[in-house]
Amino acid sequence: MASSAPPGADAAAILNEILSSLKSIKQDHTQLSSAVDAINGRVNMLAGIKQVQDVASAATKPVNNAPPRRTSTSSKIILTSYPGQAGVDPLPMDWGNKDPNLRGPVVVARNQSTIRRRNAIGAHGGSYAIYHALAVASKNLDVDHKPDFTNTEPAADIGPFPQWSDPKKIVAMDPLGHLAPWLFKDIIRDENVEIRPTIAVTRAHMKLPELEESVRKGRLVPDGKICLNESGELAVTKFAVEPVWYLPGVAERFGIDEGSLRRSLFENTGGSYPELITRSDIKLFLPPIGGLTVYCFGDPAKMSDPNVRLALRVHDECNGSDVFGSDICTCRPYLIFGVEEAVKEAQKGGSGVVIYFRKEGRALGEVTKYLVYNARKRGTDKASEYVLRTENIAGVKDMRFQALMPDILHWLGITKIDRMLSMSNMKHDAIVEQGIPIHERVPIPDEMIPEDSRVEIDAKIHAGYFTTGKIMTMDELSNVRGRAWEDVDH
């Protein structure tokens, strides 16, 4: 007698076969989806930006007559581009050309009307570019917003100077950045390309509490033009500058090849700018860093006049001291001294200039700076260990790298400095190496140095800062100690 299958066996076999078929279909679907994604990615990368955008736009048109809802981003993510890619047509850029029309504008925007004409990597706004991205993502800012530059022209004339067309003298800013929307208005109108200024010039009043004391003690005398009144209020012309890097020139300043610079910038910004690697034809980069502000006292035209005296302070940002009055360093006192001396020079018929760079904490940042402060104050805060504390934490004593700093002096037309209100050997050497002589170096007066900042200033003098006084030995530096956190009477 033939054996029979147990009850339900046929049904189980059929169910297993169905499940196996479904699994196979699912695998096939997954593989097909992956293949489609790969093809789409390859089309996006190789077929050209313009064509991909056109296809994407056509595929997403609404089927009714209702107006489409404007989105904050383009329909395709474009990770990078390549030289000669279809649809990529960067506007010509001949850095250093004396003729603005032959030199060309800096174009970096990624909106649909401009992305194929870009001749620069990065984004406008420096470190504020991220906030721009947040505004677009949250739909607080239309991605296609077009600025109205009516009445925003510079409030003072500057240049042009021969330095503007020397590609070796200016490599870290756009010498035409204050005039870009007006110089290239025809390109903006005819080609629908976004071109923005990277420099703005305005006039203002400045009021610092220390300057009221300067007037009261007779160091400053109100003249109604520069020092306006008994409270020490000052008239000032201000120039805000965002960085624009000409990569071959930046590499040359640092004595490295352009390829090494591009790779380091790419890798040390988390791979944020792949076109640094894929677009060797694009030579401009707008880095995500802070810029600088020029404060000019007196007639701005006198900054470039070789027949009048110029007093200058180049100051690197220190928020804790400059704004909030921390006394662990000499930053605010030296800044105030620089402003006061600049005003005096302008009142005597010369020119006074203070340039403020956004390089917080020696460009190491405020977090690293505070970690160094903790290490100093929890140990023995000795001048002999000042540099070592920073190197132990950051791996380097200073990342301000003053090689790019003199560019703003070239842009202002400065050809000599009569009084340099700085003790920094690095700033001095960078300026002199760029062919700008310094006739006199002026240290901060001893009476303006806070007691707790002796550690900093004495250590810096030992390391090479200019002084008209004594340079201490390491043994003597070991006896220069800062205030402990608990020492409220020091």
Protein backbone atom coordinates (compact mmCIF):
# COMPACT_ATOMS: atom_id res chain seq x y z
CA MET A 1 0.00 0.00 0.00
CA ALA A 2 1.49 3.35 -1.10
CA SER A 3 2.33 5.81 1.69
CA SER A 4 0.43 9.11 1.67
CA ALA A 5 1.82 12.60 2.47
CA PRO A 6 1.01 13.92 5.92
CA PRO A 7 -1.92 16.35 6.03
CA GLY A 8 -0.94 19.92 5.09
CA ALA A 9 2.37 18.93 3.46
CA ASP A 10 1.25 19.99 -0.01
CA ALA A 11 0.06 23.33 1.31
CA ALA A 12 3.38 23.95 3.11
CA ALA A 13 5.34 23.11 -0.02
CA ILE A 14 3.24 25.49 -2.07
CA LEU A 15 3.69 28.24 0.57
CA ASN A 16 7.47 27.74 0.60
CA GLU A 17 7.56 27.97 -3.18
CA ILE A 18 5.54 31.20 -3.07
CA LEU A 19 7.83 32.69 -0.39
CA SER A 20 10.90 31.69 -2.39
CA SER A 21 9.48 33.35 -5.49
CA LEU A 22 8.65 36.52 -3.55
CA LYS A 23 12.18 36.61 -2.12
CA SER A 24 13.63 36.22 -5.61
CA ILE A 25 11.40 39.01 -6.92
CA LYS A 26 12.46 41.24 -4.02
CA GLN A 27 16.15 40.59 -4.75
CA ASP A 28 15.61 41.30 -8.43
CA HIS A 29 13.80 44.54 -7.55
CA THR A 30 16.60 45.60 -5.22
CA GLN A 31 19.22 44.90 -7.87
CA LEU A 32 17.16 46.74 -10.49
CA SER A 33 16.73 49.75 -8.19
CA SER A 34 20.46 49.82 -7.51
CA ALA A 35 21.17 49.65 -11.21
CA VAL A 36 18.75 52.49 -11.91
CA ASP A 37 20.31 54.59 -9.14
CA ALA A 38 23.77 53.91 -10.53
CA ILE A 39 22.66 54.90 -14.03
CA ASN A 40 21.01 58.06 -12.71
CA GLY A 41 24.14 58.94 -10.78
CA ARG A 42 26.31 58.41 -13.84
CA VAL A 43 23.97 60.49 -15.98
CA ASN A 44 24.01 63.23 -13.36
CA MET A 45 27.80 63.24 -13.27
CA LEU A 46 28.64 62.84 -16.94
CA ALA A 47 25.72 64.11 -19.00
CA GLY A 48 26.18 67.70 -17.89
CA ILE A 49 24.62 69.93 -15.33
CA LYS A 50 22.33 71.83 -17.67
CA GLN A 51 20.88 68.77 -19.40
CA VAL A 52 20.20 66.98 -16.13
CA GLN A 53 18.45 70.01 -14.72
CA ASP A 54 16.30 70.38 -17.84
CA VAL A 55 15.22 66.73 -17.72
CA ALA A 56 14.51 66.92 -14.00
CA SER A 57 12.48 70.09 -14.46
CA ALA A 58 10.40 68.58 -17.28
CA ALA A 59 9.71 65.42 -15.28
CA THR A 60 8.34 67.32 -12.30
CA LYS A 61 5.95 69.73 -14.05
CA PRO A 62 2.50 69.77 -12.39
CA VAL A 63 -0.38 68.09 -14.27
CA ASN A 64 -2.81 70.88 -13.43
CA ASN A 65 -2.76 74.61 -13.95
CA ALA A 66 -1.99 75.44 -10.31
CA PRO A 67 1.30 77.33 -9.86
CA PRO A 68 4.11 75.02 -8.72
CA ARG A 69 5.23 75.33 -5.10
CA ARG A 70 8.73 76.74 -5.06
CA THR A 71 11.18 74.44 -3.35
CA SER A 72 14.29 75.57 -1.51
CA THR A 73 16.67 73.24 -3.34
CA SER A 74 17.28 72.02 -6.87
CA SER A 75 15.87 68.63 -7.88
CA LYS A 76 19.24 66.99 -8.36
CA ILE A 77 22.19 66.82 -6.00
CA ILE A 78 25.32 67.76 -7.91
CA LEU A 79 28.28 66.55 -5.89
CA THR A 80 30.98 67.83 -8.20
CA SER A 81 31.82 68.79 -11.76
CA TYR A 82 34.70 68.29 -14.18
CA PRO A 83 36.61 70.38 -16.73
CA GLY A 84 35.06 70.12 -20.17
CA GLN A 85 31.88 68.53 -18.85
CA ALA A 86 28.86 69.11 -21.06
CA GLY A 87 26.88 72.10 -19.85
CA VAL A 88 29.75 73.47 -17.73
CA ASP A 89 30.87 76.82 -19.10
CA PRO A 90 32.71 78.90 -16.46
CA LEU A 91 33.03 82.61 -17.04
CA PRO A 92 36.63 83.49 -17.96
CA MET A 93 38.89 84.54 -15.08
CA ASP A 94 42.29 86.08 -15.79
CA TRP A 95 43.50 86.92 -12.28
CA GLY A 96 45.69 90.03 -12.29
CA ASN A 97 44.49 91.42 -15.61
CA LYS A 98 44.35 95.22 -15.40
CA ASP A 99 41.19 95.43 -17.52
CA PRO A 100 38.19 94.37 -15.38
CA ASN A 101 36.31 93.12 -18.43
CA LEU A 102 39.21 90.88 -19.42
CA ARG A 103 39.84 89.77 -15.86
CA GLY A 104 36.21 88.83 -15.28
CA PRO A 105 33.96 88.59 -12.20
CA VAL A 106 34.14 86.09 -9.35
CA VAL A 107 31.18 83.72 -9.78
CA VAL A 108 30.53 81.13 -7.07
CA ALA A 109 26.74 80.78 -6.63
CA ARG A 110 25.13 77.38 -7.22
CA ASN A 111 21.59 78.42 -8.14
CA GLN A 112 20.19 77.09 -11.40
CA SER A 113 20.89 80.20 -13.43
CA THR A 114 24.53 80.45 -12.34
CA ILE A 115 25.91 77.01 -11.48
CA ARG A 116 27.20 76.20 -14.96
CA ARG A 117 29.04 79.56 -15.16
CA ARG A 118 30.87 79.25 -11.83
CA ASN A 119 34.59 80.06 -11.89
CA ALA A 120 35.13 79.79 -8.14
CA ILE A 121 34.77 77.08 -5.50
CA GLY A 122 33.10 77.62 -2.13
CA ALA A 123 30.39 80.10 -1.21
CA HIS A 124 29.84 83.74 -0.39
CA GLY A 125 29.75 84.83 3.22
CA GLY A 126 32.77 83.03 4.62
CA SER A 127 31.82 81.34 7.88
CA TYR A 128 28.26 82.66 7.52
CA ALA A 129 27.58 80.52 4.45
CA ILE A 130 26.17 77.84 6.76
CA TYR A 131 23.52 80.24 8.06
CA HIS A 132 22.61 81.03 4.46
CA ALA A 133 22.11 77.29 3.91
CA LEU A 134 19.87 77.06 6.99
CA ALA A 135 17.79 79.99 5.77
CA VAL A 136 17.25 78.28 2.42
CA ALA A 137 16.55 74.85 3.94
CA SER A 138 13.98 76.29 6.36
CA LYS A 139 12.37 78.25 3.49
CA ASN A 140 13.07 81.58 5.15
CA LEU A 141 15.13 82.56 2.10
CA ASP A 142 14.23 82.01 -1.53
CA VAL A 143 17.13 80.17 -3.15
CA ASP A 144 16.67 82.38 -6.22
CA HIS A 145 16.56 85.68 -4.32
CA LYS A 146 18.26 88.44 -6.29
CA PRO A 147 19.83 91.21 -4.19
CA ASP A 148 18.88 94.81 -4.88
CA PHE A 149 22.15 96.75 -4.62
CA THR A 150 20.56 100.19 -4.98
CA ASN A 151 22.44 102.77 -2.87
CA THR A 152 24.94 100.20 -1.59
CA GLU A 153 27.92 101.60 -3.51
CA PRO A 154 31.14 102.22 -1.53
CA ALA A 155 30.95 105.27 0.75
CA ALA A 156 34.55 106.19 -0.13
CA ASP A 157 36.67 105.92 -3.25
CA ILE A 158 39.62 103.54 -3.21
CA GLY A 159 42.11 102.84 -5.99
CA PRO A 160 42.67 101.48 -8.47
CA PHE A 161 46.33 100.92 -7.64
CA PRO A 162 49.04 99.07 -9.59
CA GLN A 163 49.02 96.36 -6.91
CA TRP A 164 45.50 95.36 -7.96
CA SER A 165 46.81 93.94 -11.23
CA ASP A 166 49.84 92.19 -9.74
CA PRO A 167 48.86 88.51 -9.26
CA LYS A 168 51.68 88.05 -6.76
CA LYS A 169 50.72 90.94 -4.48
CA ILE A 170 47.03 90.17 -3.99
CA VAL A 171 46.09 86.49 -3.71
CA ALA A 172 43.69 86.37 -0.73
CA MET A 173 40.97 88.87 -1.68
CA ASP A 174 39.25 90.15 -4.81
CA PRO A 175 40.60 93.65 -5.57
CA LEU A 176 37.40 94.36 -7.51
CA GLY A 177 35.16 92.95 -4.79
CA HIS A 178 33.73 96.34 -3.77
CA LEU A 179 32.65 97.16 -7.33
CA ALA A 180 31.60 93.76 -8.68
CA PRO A 181 27.81 94.29 -9.09
CA TRP A 182 28.37 97.56 -10.94
CA LEU A 183 31.41 96.62 -13.02
CA PHE A 184 29.69 93.47 -14.26
CA LYS A 185 26.07 94.61 -14.37
CA ASP A 186 25.78 93.67 -18.06
CA ILE A 187 26.73 90.06 -17.31
CA ILE A 188 24.24 89.97 -14.45
CA ARG A 189 21.48 91.29 -16.71
CA ASP A 190 22.25 89.58 -20.00
CA GLU A 191 23.33 86.16 -18.73
CA ASN A 192 21.24 85.98 -15.53
CA VAL A 193 24.37 85.24 -13.50
CA GLU A 194 24.62 86.02 -9.78
CA ILE A 195 27.59 88.25 -8.96
CA ARG A 196 27.98 89.56 -5.41
CA PRO A 197 30.41 91.96 -3.74
CA THR A 198 33.02 90.58 -1.37
CA ILE A 199 33.95 94.02 -0.01
CA ALA A 200 31.73 96.75 1.42
CA VAL A 201 32.77 100.29 2.36
CA THR A 202 30.80 102.48 4.76
CA ARG A 203 31.22 105.41 7.14
CA ALA A 204 30.39 105.36 10.84
CA HIS A 205 31.02 106.73 14.31
CA MET A 206 33.04 104.76 16.86
CA LYS A 207 32.75 105.15 20.61
CA LEU A 208 35.08 103.35 23.03
CA PRO A 209 34.94 104.10 26.76
CA GLU A 210 38.73 104.30 27.08
CA LEU A 211 38.84 107.14 24.56
CA GLU A 212 36.71 109.35 26.77
CA GLU A 213 39.47 108.98 29.36
CA SER A 214 42.03 109.78 26.64
CA VAL A 215 40.24 113.07 25.99
CA ARG A 216 39.91 113.83 29.68
CA LYS A 217 43.65 113.27 30.23
CA GLY A 218 44.56 115.32 27.17
CA ARG A 219 46.01 112.52 25.04
CA LEU A 220 43.26 113.09 22.46
CA VAL A 221 41.95 116.53 21.55
CA PRO A 222 38.50 116.85 19.93
CA ASP A 223 38.72 118.55 16.54
CA GLY A 224 35.14 118.06 15.32
CA LYS A 225 36.35 116.11 12.28
CA ILE A 226 38.08 112.95 13.48
CA CYS A 227 37.68 113.10 17.26
CA LEU A 228 34.21 114.57 17.31
CA ASN A 229 33.54 115.52 20.93
CA GLU A 230 34.54 115.35 24.59
CA SER A 231 33.31 111.75 24.89
CA GLY A 232 35.99 110.63 22.43
CA GLU A 233 33.56 109.70 19.66
CA LEU A 234 35.42 109.09 16.39
CA ALA A 235 34.55 109.43 12.71
CA VAL A 236 35.74 106.38 10.80
CA THR A 237 35.59 104.83 7.34
CA LYS A 238 35.17 101.04 7.46
CA PHE A 239 36.01 98.41 4.86
CA ALA A 240 34.66 94.87 5.36
CA VAL A 241 36.47 92.21 3.32
CA GLU A 242 35.59 88.55 2.73
CA PRO A 243 38.40 86.23 1.61
CA VAL A 244 38.77 85.17 -2.03
CA TRP A 245 41.80 82.95 -2.56
CA TYR A 246 43.72 82.68 -5.82
CA LEU A 247 45.02 79.17 -5.17
CA PRO A 248 48.26 79.31 -7.23
CA GLY A 249 49.25 82.52 -5.45
CA VAL A 250 48.32 81.21 -1.99
CA ALA A 251 50.36 78.07 -2.58
CA GLU A 252 53.34 80.15 -3.68
CA ARG A 253 53.14 82.30 -0.54
CA PHE A 254 53.39 79.19 1.62
CA GLY A 255 56.11 77.60 -0.50
CA ILE A 256 54.03 74.56 -1.46
CA ASP A 257 52.62 73.27 -4.74
CA GLU A 258 49.03 73.99 -5.67
CA GLY A 259 48.07 70.31 -5.70
CA SER A 260 49.19 69.82 -2.09
CA LEU A 261 47.24 72.91 -1.05
CA ARG A 262 44.08 71.72 -2.81
CA ARG A 263 44.29 68.25 -1.28
CA SER A 264 44.88 69.57 2.24
CA LEU A 265 41.96 72.00 1.94
CA PHE A 266 39.72 69.19 0.67
CA GLU A 267 40.69 66.64 3.30
CA ASN A 268 40.79 69.02 6.25
CA THR A 269 37.34 70.43 5.56
CA GLY A 270 35.80 66.96 5.72
CA GLY A 271 35.70 66.61 1.94
CA SER A 272 33.30 69.54 1.73
CA TYR A 273 34.72 70.91 -1.53
CA PRO A 274 35.36 68.05 -4.00
CA GLU A 275 35.86 70.51 -6.85
CA LEU A 276 39.18 71.41 -5.24
CA ILE A 277 40.22 68.00 -6.59
CA THR A 278 38.09 67.62 -9.71
CA ARG A 279 38.27 71.17 -11.08
CA SER A 280 41.93 72.02 -11.52
CA ASP A 281 40.81 74.60 -14.09
CA ILE A 282 39.10 76.68 -11.37
CA LYS A 283 41.72 78.71 -9.55
CA LEU A 284 39.56 80.64 -7.05
CA PHE A 285 38.32 79.45 -3.66
CA LEU A 286 36.09 81.32 -1.22
CA PRO A 287 37.05 79.66 2.07
CA PRO A 288 34.62 79.26 5.00
CA ILE A 289 36.60 81.55 7.30
CA GLY A 290 36.25 85.02 8.72
CA GLY A 291 37.52 88.05 6.88
CA LEU A 292 38.79 91.41 8.10
CA THR A 293 37.70 94.99 8.74
CA VAL A 294 39.72 98.12 8.01
CA TYR A 295 39.13 101.13 10.26
CA CYS A 296 40.50 104.27 8.59
CA PHE A 297 40.77 107.53 10.51
CA GLY A 298 41.04 110.67 8.43
CA ASP A 299 40.86 110.96 4.66
CA PRO A 300 40.96 107.44 3.10
CA ALA A 301 42.88 108.84 0.12
CA LYS A 302 45.84 109.52 2.41
CA MET A 303 46.42 105.83 3.15
CA SER A 304 48.14 105.46 -0.21
CA ASP A 305 49.87 108.85 -0.23
CA PRO A 306 53.63 108.31 0.15
CA ASN A 307 54.06 111.94 1.15
CA VAL A 308 52.09 111.69 4.40
CA ARG A 309 52.81 109.65 7.51
CA LEU A 310 50.92 106.43 8.19
CA ALA A 311 50.35 104.84 11.60
CA LEU A 312 49.06 101.27 11.37
CA ARG A 313 47.96 98.50 13.70
CA VAL A 314 47.23 95.01 12.39
CA HIS A 315 45.15 93.28 15.08
CA ASP A 316 44.02 89.66 15.26
CA GLU A 317 40.71 88.97 16.96
CA CYS A 318 40.55 88.15 20.68
CA ASN A 319 36.90 88.19 21.71
CA GLY A 320 37.59 87.60 25.39
CA SER A 321 39.80 90.67 25.70
CA ASP A 322 38.71 92.92 22.81
CA VAL A 323 35.01 92.73 23.69
CA PHE A 324 34.74 91.45 27.26
CA GLY A 325 37.87 92.88 28.85
CA SER A 326 39.72 89.75 29.96
CA ASP A 327 43.10 90.75 31.42
CA ILE A 328 44.97 87.50 30.68
CA CYS A 329 46.38 89.09 27.51
CA THR A 330 47.29 92.51 26.12
CA CYS A 331 44.85 92.39 23.19
CA ARG A 332 42.31 95.06 24.14
CA PRO A 333 44.87 97.46 25.65
CA TYR A 334 47.00 97.23 22.50
CA LEU A 335 43.91 97.65 20.31
CA ILE A 336 42.89 100.80 22.21
CA PHE A 337 46.46 102.11 22.01
CA GLY A 338 46.45 101.44 18.27
CA VAL A 339 43.20 103.32 17.74
CA GLU A 340 44.39 106.28 19.82
CA GLU A 341 47.73 106.53 17.99
CA ALA A 342 46.02 106.16 14.61
CA VAL A 343 43.68 109.04 15.44
CA LYS A 344 46.58 111.23 16.56
CA GLU A 345 48.41 110.59 13.29
CA ALA A 346 45.33 111.47 11.26
CA GLN A 347 44.81 114.66 13.25
CA LYS A 348 48.37 115.71 12.40
CA GLY A 349 47.57 115.48 8.69
CA GLY A 350 48.63 111.89 8.18
CA SER A 351 46.66 108.66 8.05
CA GLY A 352 45.71 106.26 10.84
CA VAL A 353 44.60 102.69 10.14
CA VAL A 354 43.60 99.72 12.28
CA ILE A 355 42.98 96.40 10.51
CA TYR A 356 41.02 93.78 12.46
CA PHE A 357 41.40 90.16 11.32
CA ARG A 358 38.99 87.37 12.38
CA LYS A 359 41.65 84.95 13.67
CA GLU A 360 40.35 84.09 17.12
CA GLY A 361 42.83 82.48 19.47
CA ARG A 362 45.77 82.65 17.03
CA ALA A 363 43.38 81.04 14.51
CA LEU A 364 43.18 77.98 16.78
CA GLY A 365 39.68 78.95 17.89
CA GLU A 366 38.19 79.89 21.22
CA VAL A 367 37.68 76.32 22.46
CA THR A 368 41.38 75.52 22.06
CA LYS A 369 42.27 78.86 23.63
CA TYR A 370 40.19 78.13 26.73
CA LEU A 371 41.69 74.65 27.02
CA VAL A 372 45.11 76.30 27.05
CA TYR A 373 43.90 78.72 29.73
CA ASN A 374 42.75 75.78 31.86
CA ALA A 375 46.10 74.03 31.49
CA ARG A 376 47.89 77.23 32.46
CA LYS A 377 45.77 78.07 35.47
CA ARG A 378 45.62 74.51 36.82
CA GLY A 379 49.38 74.27 36.61
CA THR A 380 52.01 76.84 37.39
CA ASP A 381 51.21 79.64 34.97
CA LYS A 382 54.80 80.52 34.11
CA ALA A 383 56.01 82.56 31.15
CA SER A 384 58.68 79.93 30.51
CA GLU A 385 55.91 77.40 29.72
CA TYR A 386 53.61 79.74 27.80
CA VAL A 387 54.37 78.45 24.29
CA LEU A 388 54.62 74.83 25.40
CA ARG A 389 51.08 74.85 26.84
CA THR A 390 49.64 75.73 23.44
CA GLU A 391 51.84 73.29 21.51
CA ASN A 392 50.89 70.42 23.84
CA ILE A 393 47.19 70.91 23.09
CA ALA A 394 47.09 72.27 19.53
CA GLY A 395 50.28 70.73 18.15
CA VAL A 396 51.36 74.16 16.92
CA LYS A 397 51.97 77.45 18.69
CA ASP A 398 50.22 79.67 16.15
CA MET A 399 48.09 79.12 13.03
CA ARG A 400 47.55 82.73 11.99
CA PHE A 401 50.21 82.36 9.30
CA GLN A 402 50.67 86.02 8.40
CA ALA A 403 51.76 85.31 4.81
CA LEU A 404 48.36 86.41 3.44
CA MET A 405 47.91 89.39 5.77
CA PRO A 406 49.75 92.02 3.63
CA ASP A 407 47.26 91.65 0.77
CA ILE A 408 44.94 94.21 2.35
CA LEU A 409 47.84 96.67 2.57
CA HIS A 410 48.47 96.25 -1.16
CA TRP A 411 44.77 96.73 -1.85
CA LEU A 412 44.70 99.95 0.16
CA GLY A 413 47.66 101.21 -1.88
CA ILE A 414 49.99 101.31 1.13
CA THR A 415 53.64 101.37 0.09
CA LYS A 416 55.32 102.19 3.43
CA ILE A 417 54.48 102.28 7.13
CA ASP A 418 55.89 105.09 9.25
CA ARG A 419 54.73 103.77 12.62
CA MET A 420 53.88 100.08 13.04
CA LEU A 421 51.81 99.75 16.22
CA SER A 422 52.70 96.11 16.77
CA MET A 423 55.44 94.07 18.41
CA SER A 424 54.81 90.91 16.36
CA ASN A 425 57.86 89.69 14.48
CA MET A 426 55.63 87.52 12.27
CA LYS A 427 53.53 90.46 11.11
CA HIS A 428 56.62 92.62 10.63
CA ASP A 429 58.42 89.99 8.57
CA ALA A 430 55.38 89.23 6.40
CA ILE A 431 54.90 92.91 5.55
CA VAL A 432 58.57 93.59 4.82
CA GLU A 433 58.83 90.45 2.68
CA GLN A 434 56.04 91.89 0.53
CA GLY A 435 58.15 94.96 -0.19
CA ILE A 436 56.52 97.38 2.26
CA PRO A 437 59.15 99.04 4.51
CA ILE A 438 58.41 99.72 8.19
CA HIS A 439 60.22 102.79 9.52
CA GLU A 440 59.35 102.54 13.22
CA ARG A 441 57.96 99.80 15.47
CA VAL A 442 56.00 100.95 18.51
CA PRO A 443 55.51 98.58 21.49
CA ILE A 444 52.59 98.82 23.88
CA PRO A 445 53.45 101.12 26.82
CA ASP A 446 54.24 99.22 30.01
CA GLU A 447 51.57 101.07 31.97
CA MET A 448 48.88 99.61 29.67
CA ILE A 449 49.91 95.98 30.28
CA PRO A 450 47.62 94.16 32.78
CA GLU A 451 49.50 92.32 35.50
CA ASP A 452 48.08 88.90 34.56
CA SER A 453 49.18 89.36 30.94
CA ARG A 454 52.89 89.65 31.80
CA VAL A 455 53.11 85.88 31.22
CA GLU A 456 51.97 86.34 27.63
CA ILE A 457 53.91 89.45 26.69
CA ASP A 458 57.21 88.46 28.33
CA ALA A 459 57.05 85.01 26.71
CA LYS A 460 56.35 86.56 23.30
CA ILE A 461 59.22 89.02 23.65
CA HIS A 462 61.54 86.11 24.45
CA ALA A 463 60.21 84.29 21.35
CA GLY A 464 60.95 87.22 19.02
CA TYR A 465 58.49 90.05 19.63
CA PHE A 466 59.96 93.52 19.27
CA THR A 467 60.79 95.44 22.43
CA THR A 468 62.77 98.48 23.45
CA GLY A 469 63.23 96.94 26.88
CA LYS A 470 64.73 93.80 28.38
CA ILE A 471 64.54 90.31 26.86
CA MET A 472 64.33 87.83 29.73
CA THR A 473 66.22 84.56 29.98
CA MET A 474 64.33 81.29 30.45
CA ASP A 475 65.30 81.31 34.12
CA GLU A 476 63.85 84.78 34.52
CA LEU A 477 60.70 83.77 32.62
CA SER A 478 60.13 80.93 35.08
CA ASN A 479 59.63 83.57 37.78
CA VAL A 480 56.97 85.45 35.78
CA ARG A 481 53.72 83.88 36.92
CA GLY A 482 50.08 84.59 36.27
CA ARG A 483 47.21 84.93 38.67
CA ALA A 484 45.56 81.77 40.01
CA TRP A 485 41.79 81.43 39.66
CA GLU A 486 41.40 81.80 43.42
CA ASP A 487 43.68 84.83 43.65
CA VAL A 488 41.21 87.71 43.70
CA ASP A 489 43.66 90.27 45.08
CA HIS A 490 46.44 89.77 42.50
